Amino acid sequence: MIRWIVSVLLLAAAFGALQLFWLAPKRQSLAIARREASLCLQERMALQHRVADLEGRLSKLKQTSIDFEAASVLQEWEILSLLTAHDELVCQLENEISSGQVSIERLRDRLTVDLIDGMLFPSGETDLKETGKEVLHKVGDVLNASQSLRVIAQEHTGEILITDRLLEVNQPNWALAAARAVNVIQFLQDVAGMDPAFLSASARSEYCLNENLSTPGGRAKGHRLELVLVPLTRPENQQEEQIVNEE
């Protein structure tokens, strides 16, 4: 009986040893395979994140390209609008330009139309002359046809004889400049038929004059109304701030 038990135990031990010998490499291989599978999964997830990141960057690059192309087209349209308005104004105001009463200049992204005050207003007055109305009507016709430019009227007025009505207020030069600029804008709206949403007035008084006022010729050129024409696509506050800063 004892021998039989010993034999069974020996057989069991041998079988266990054999099983351990046979299963150990497989368990080791399984563990290795599991580790490799885990690493592959991590690498796969990392690659998926990388692909998602690259797709996002590609989408942004495409949008940037679209935005850049749109900005280029918009800039080209603005330049074309300014050039067209410049040519039309030069054609319509040929006589006034020849006589020195009007000058037109393109400065970067805008046009400036300088109108001598003597053509627009009686000295010290704010009501438009007939000659001034004729010129402003021509300007209004060109800008109405364009429908792409905003108008900022800036009146530059130095020390001149001012009517008694304006002398009653403080800073009469400011009052004169402001009233003249507003009257020009009002004429462009009411008579020339321009959209008031695209019009604004500004008074510069005697502080941004571009001529020496000690001579009659300098005073005639220095006292002027400046029509600043800028593309409608530019924000209004940005336009006016840039104009003031450049002066």
Protein backbone atom coordinates (compact mmCIF):
# COMPACT_ATOMS: atom_id res chain seq x y z
CA MET A 1 0.00 0.00 0.00
CA ILE A 2 2.78 2.34 0.94
CA ARG A 3 4.58 1.53 -2.28
CA TRP A 4 1.46 2.28 -4.24
CA ILE A 5 1.06 5.64 -2.52
CA VAL A 6 4.70 6.48 -3.12
CA SER A 7 4.37 5.48 -6.74
CA VAL A 8 1.30 7.71 -7.15
CA LEU A 9 3.09 10.61 -5.51
CA LEU A 10 6.11 10.11 -7.73
CA LEU A 11 3.91 9.98 -10.80
CA ALA A 12 2.08 13.12 -9.70
CA ALA A 13 5.36 14.91 -9.05
CA ALA A 14 6.69 13.81 -12.38
CA PHE A 15 3.53 14.93 -14.14
CA GLY A 16 3.62 18.27 -12.33
CA ALA A 17 7.26 18.75 -13.23
CA LEU A 18 6.54 17.82 -16.82
CA GLN A 19 3.56 20.17 -16.97
CA LEU A 20 5.58 22.98 -15.43
CA PHE A 21 8.38 22.34 -17.87
CA TRP A 22 5.95 22.35 -20.79
CA LEU A 23 3.71 25.27 -19.69
CA ALA A 24 6.38 27.67 -18.41
CA PRO A 25 7.65 28.71 -21.86
CA LYS A 26 4.10 29.09 -23.09
CA ARG A 27 3.20 31.28 -20.12
CA GLN A 28 6.31 33.31 -20.72
CA SER A 29 5.45 33.62 -24.41
CA LEU A 30 1.91 34.64 -23.49
CA ALA A 31 3.20 37.33 -21.13
CA ILE A 32 5.53 38.61 -23.82
CA ALA A 33 2.70 38.61 -26.34
CA ARG A 34 0.48 40.54 -23.93
CA ARG A 35 3.20 43.13 -23.34
CA GLU A 36 3.76 43.47 -27.07
CA ALA A 37 0.02 43.82 -27.63
CA SER A 38 -0.14 46.53 -24.97
CA LEU A 39 2.76 48.39 -26.59
CA CYS A 40 1.12 48.08 -30.01
CA LEU A 41 -2.11 49.46 -28.59
CA GLN A 42 -0.26 52.40 -27.05
CA GLU A 43 1.56 53.06 -30.31
CA ARG A 44 -1.71 52.82 -32.22
CA MET A 45 -3.38 55.34 -29.91
CA ALA A 46 -0.37 57.63 -30.21
CA LEU A 47 -0.55 57.39 -34.00
CA GLN A 48 -4.29 58.13 -33.93
CA HIS A 49 -3.65 61.25 -31.83
CA ARG A 50 -0.87 62.25 -34.21
CA VAL A 51 -3.13 61.75 -37.24
CA ALA A 52 -5.90 63.78 -35.57
CA ASP A 53 -3.40 66.55 -34.77
CA LEU A 54 -2.10 66.60 -38.34
CA GLU A 55 -5.64 66.66 -39.74
CA GLY A 56 -6.46 69.62 -37.49
CA ARG A 57 -3.34 71.47 -38.60
CA LEU A 58 -4.13 70.68 -42.23
CA SER A 59 -7.65 72.05 -41.80
CA LYS A 60 -6.25 75.25 -40.27
CA LEU A 61 -3.75 75.59 -43.11
CA LYS A 62 -6.54 75.20 -45.65
CA GLN A 63 -8.61 77.86 -43.86
CA THR A 64 -5.57 80.12 -43.66
CA SER A 65 -5.04 79.66 -47.39
CA ILE A 66 -8.70 80.50 -48.05
CA ASP A 67 -8.51 83.55 -45.77
CA PHE A 68 -5.30 84.70 -47.45
CA GLU A 69 -6.83 84.31 -50.89
CA ALA A 70 -9.98 86.14 -49.79
CA ALA A 71 -7.89 88.95 -48.32
CA SER A 72 -5.93 89.22 -51.56
CA VAL A 73 -9.12 89.41 -53.63
CA LEU A 74 -10.56 92.01 -51.25
CA GLN A 75 -7.42 94.11 -51.43
CA GLU A 76 -7.45 93.95 -55.23
CA TRP A 77 -11.11 95.00 -55.25
CA GLU A 78 -10.38 97.96 -52.94
CA ILE A 79 -7.50 99.14 -55.14
CA LEU A 80 -9.65 98.82 -58.26
CA SER A 81 -12.44 100.81 -56.60
CA LEU A 82 -10.03 103.60 -55.68
CA LEU A 83 -8.44 103.69 -59.14
CA THR A 84 -11.84 103.78 -60.84
CA ALA A 85 -13.08 106.59 -58.58
CA HIS A 86 -9.81 108.50 -59.12
CA ASP A 87 -10.11 108.34 -62.90
CA GLU A 88 -13.79 109.31 -62.86
CA LEU A 89 -13.20 112.25 -60.52
CA VAL A 90 -10.27 113.52 -62.59
CA CYS A 91 -12.47 113.35 -65.69
CA GLN A 92 -15.46 115.09 -64.08
CA LEU A 93 -13.40 117.79 -62.33
CA GLU A 94 -10.94 118.46 -65.14
CA ASN A 95 -11.66 122.21 -65.28
CA GLU A 96 -11.47 122.70 -61.52
CA ILE A 97 -8.21 120.75 -61.35
CA SER A 98 -6.72 122.81 -64.17
CA SER A 99 -7.63 126.04 -62.39
CA GLY A 100 -6.04 124.87 -59.13
CA GLN A 101 -9.30 124.81 -57.18
CA VAL A 102 -9.31 121.03 -56.79
CA SER A 103 -6.53 118.50 -56.29
CA ILE A 104 -6.89 114.74 -56.15
CA GLU A 105 -4.31 112.40 -54.70
CA ARG A 106 -4.19 108.71 -53.91
CA LEU A 107 -2.48 107.95 -50.64
CA ARG A 108 -1.99 104.24 -49.98
CA ASP A 109 -5.47 102.87 -49.38
CA ARG A 110 -7.54 106.02 -49.88
CA LEU A 111 -8.18 109.04 -52.09
CA THR A 112 -8.11 112.64 -50.96
CA VAL A 113 -10.00 115.33 -52.84
CA ASP A 114 -8.96 118.83 -51.71
CA LEU A 115 -11.47 121.57 -52.50
CA ILE A 116 -10.42 125.20 -51.98
CA ASP A 117 -12.73 126.95 -49.52
CA GLY A 118 -12.99 130.00 -51.76
CA MET A 119 -14.79 127.87 -54.34
CA LEU A 120 -17.16 126.34 -51.78
CA PHE A 121 -17.98 129.09 -49.27
CA PRO A 122 -18.04 132.88 -48.99
CA SER A 123 -15.36 134.10 -46.58
CA GLY A 124 -16.37 133.44 -42.99
CA GLU A 125 -19.66 131.81 -44.03
CA THR A 126 -20.98 128.25 -43.83
CA ASP A 127 -23.54 128.20 -46.66
CA LEU A 128 -22.34 126.68 -49.92
CA LYS A 129 -21.81 128.77 -53.03
CA GLU A 130 -23.40 127.69 -56.30
CA THR A 131 -19.93 126.81 -57.62
CA GLY A 132 -19.39 124.62 -54.58
CA LYS A 133 -22.71 122.88 -55.09
CA GLU A 134 -21.86 122.14 -58.71
CA VAL A 135 -18.54 120.56 -57.77
CA LEU A 136 -20.01 118.53 -54.91
CA HIS A 137 -22.79 117.31 -57.20
CA LYS A 138 -20.15 115.97 -59.60
CA VAL A 139 -18.37 114.24 -56.74
CA GLY A 140 -21.64 112.77 -55.50
CA ASP A 141 -22.49 111.41 -58.94
CA VAL A 142 -19.14 109.59 -59.16
CA LEU A 143 -19.41 108.14 -55.66
CA ASN A 144 -23.02 107.10 -56.15
CA ALA A 145 -21.97 105.16 -59.24
CA SER A 146 -19.15 103.51 -57.27
CA GLN A 147 -21.13 102.47 -54.18
CA SER A 148 -17.88 101.20 -52.67
CA LEU A 149 -16.37 104.19 -50.87
CA ARG A 150 -17.00 105.97 -47.59
CA VAL A 151 -16.68 109.78 -47.47
CA ILE A 152 -15.14 111.69 -44.58
CA ALA A 153 -15.39 115.48 -44.98
CA GLN A 154 -12.66 117.34 -43.10
CA GLU A 155 -12.72 121.12 -43.02
CA HIS A 156 -9.42 122.97 -42.46
CA THR A 157 -9.99 126.61 -41.49
CA GLY A 158 -7.42 129.11 -40.23
CA GLU A 159 -7.83 132.54 -38.72
CA ILE A 160 -10.14 134.44 -41.04
CA LEU A 161 -12.99 136.92 -40.70
CA ILE A 162 -15.96 135.08 -39.24
CA THR A 163 -19.59 136.13 -39.19
CA ASP A 164 -21.05 137.68 -36.05
CA ARG A 165 -23.20 134.60 -35.49
CA LEU A 166 -20.12 132.36 -35.16
CA LEU A 167 -18.21 134.91 -33.10
CA GLU A 168 -20.82 134.44 -30.37
CA VAL A 169 -19.57 130.89 -29.66
CA ASN A 170 -16.31 129.73 -28.11
CA GLN A 171 -13.54 128.70 -30.51
CA PRO A 172 -15.13 130.24 -33.64
CA ASN A 173 -12.65 128.56 -36.00
CA TRP A 174 -13.75 125.17 -34.70
CA ALA A 175 -17.39 126.18 -35.09
CA LEU A 176 -16.80 127.40 -38.64
CA ALA A 177 -14.90 124.25 -39.64
CA ALA A 178 -17.52 121.96 -38.10
CA ALA A 179 -20.47 123.79 -39.67
CA ARG A 180 -18.87 123.74 -43.11
CA ALA A 181 -18.03 120.03 -42.94
CA VAL A 182 -21.57 119.19 -41.82
CA ASN A 183 -23.11 121.33 -44.59
CA VAL A 184 -21.03 119.51 -47.21
CA ILE A 185 -22.13 116.12 -45.88
CA GLN A 186 -25.74 117.32 -45.72
CA PHE A 187 -25.55 118.41 -49.36
CA LEU A 188 -24.10 115.06 -50.45
CA GLN A 189 -26.96 113.33 -48.66
CA ASP A 190 -29.91 115.57 -49.52
CA VAL A 191 -29.02 116.78 -53.01
CA ALA A 192 -26.47 114.34 -54.40
CA GLY A 193 -28.46 111.42 -52.97
CA MET A 194 -25.62 109.62 -51.18
CA ASP A 195 -26.34 107.07 -48.46
CA PRO A 196 -25.85 108.86 -45.09
CA ALA A 197 -24.51 105.63 -43.59
CA PHE A 198 -21.37 106.18 -45.69
CA LEU A 199 -20.88 109.85 -44.76
CA SER A 200 -19.18 111.54 -41.83
CA ALA A 201 -17.90 115.03 -41.00
CA SER A 202 -14.79 116.17 -39.17
CA ALA A 203 -13.48 119.60 -38.15
CA ARG A 204 -9.72 120.16 -38.16
CA SER A 205 -9.82 123.95 -37.65
CA GLU A 206 -6.39 125.59 -38.11
CA TYR A 207 -4.35 122.72 -36.63
CA CYS A 208 -3.63 120.63 -39.74
CA LEU A 209 -3.12 123.26 -42.39
CA ASN A 210 -0.67 122.28 -45.13
CA GLU A 211 0.26 125.76 -46.33
CA ASN A 212 1.90 128.93 -45.01
CA LEU A 213 -0.97 131.28 -44.15
CA SER A 214 1.22 134.37 -44.22
CA THR A 215 0.64 134.79 -47.96
CA PRO A 216 -2.64 135.13 -49.87
CA GLY A 217 -1.81 132.09 -52.01
CA GLY A 218 -0.99 130.02 -48.94
CA ARG A 219 -4.22 131.03 -47.23
CA ALA A 220 -6.23 130.17 -50.32
CA LYS A 221 -4.74 126.68 -50.49
CA GLY A 222 -4.58 126.10 -46.74
CA HIS A 223 -8.24 126.88 -46.13
CA ARG A 224 -9.77 123.84 -47.74
CA LEU A 225 -12.28 121.07 -47.44
CA GLU A 226 -10.71 117.63 -47.72
CA LEU A 227 -12.88 114.74 -48.85
CA VAL A 228 -11.23 111.50 -47.74
CA LEU A 229 -12.51 108.51 -49.70
CA VAL A 230 -11.89 105.08 -48.20
CA PRO A 231 -13.19 101.59 -49.07
CA LEU A 232 -16.39 100.54 -47.35
CA THR A 233 -14.71 97.27 -46.38
CA ARG A 234 -12.53 99.09 -43.85
CA PRO A 235 -14.05 99.62 -40.37
CA GLU A 236 -15.05 103.27 -39.96
CA ASN A 237 -13.32 103.80 -36.61
CA GLN A 238 -10.10 102.28 -38.01
CA GLN A 239 -10.25 104.58 -41.05
CA GLU A 240 -10.68 107.78 -39.11
CA GLU A 241 -8.04 106.83 -36.51
CA GLN A 242 -5.52 106.03 -39.25
CA ILE A 243 -6.23 109.31 -41.05
CA VAL A 244 -5.77 111.38 -37.88
CA ASN A 245 -2.57 109.53 -36.94
CA GLU A 246 -1.01 110.05 -40.37
CA GLU A 247 -1.71 113.76 -40.25
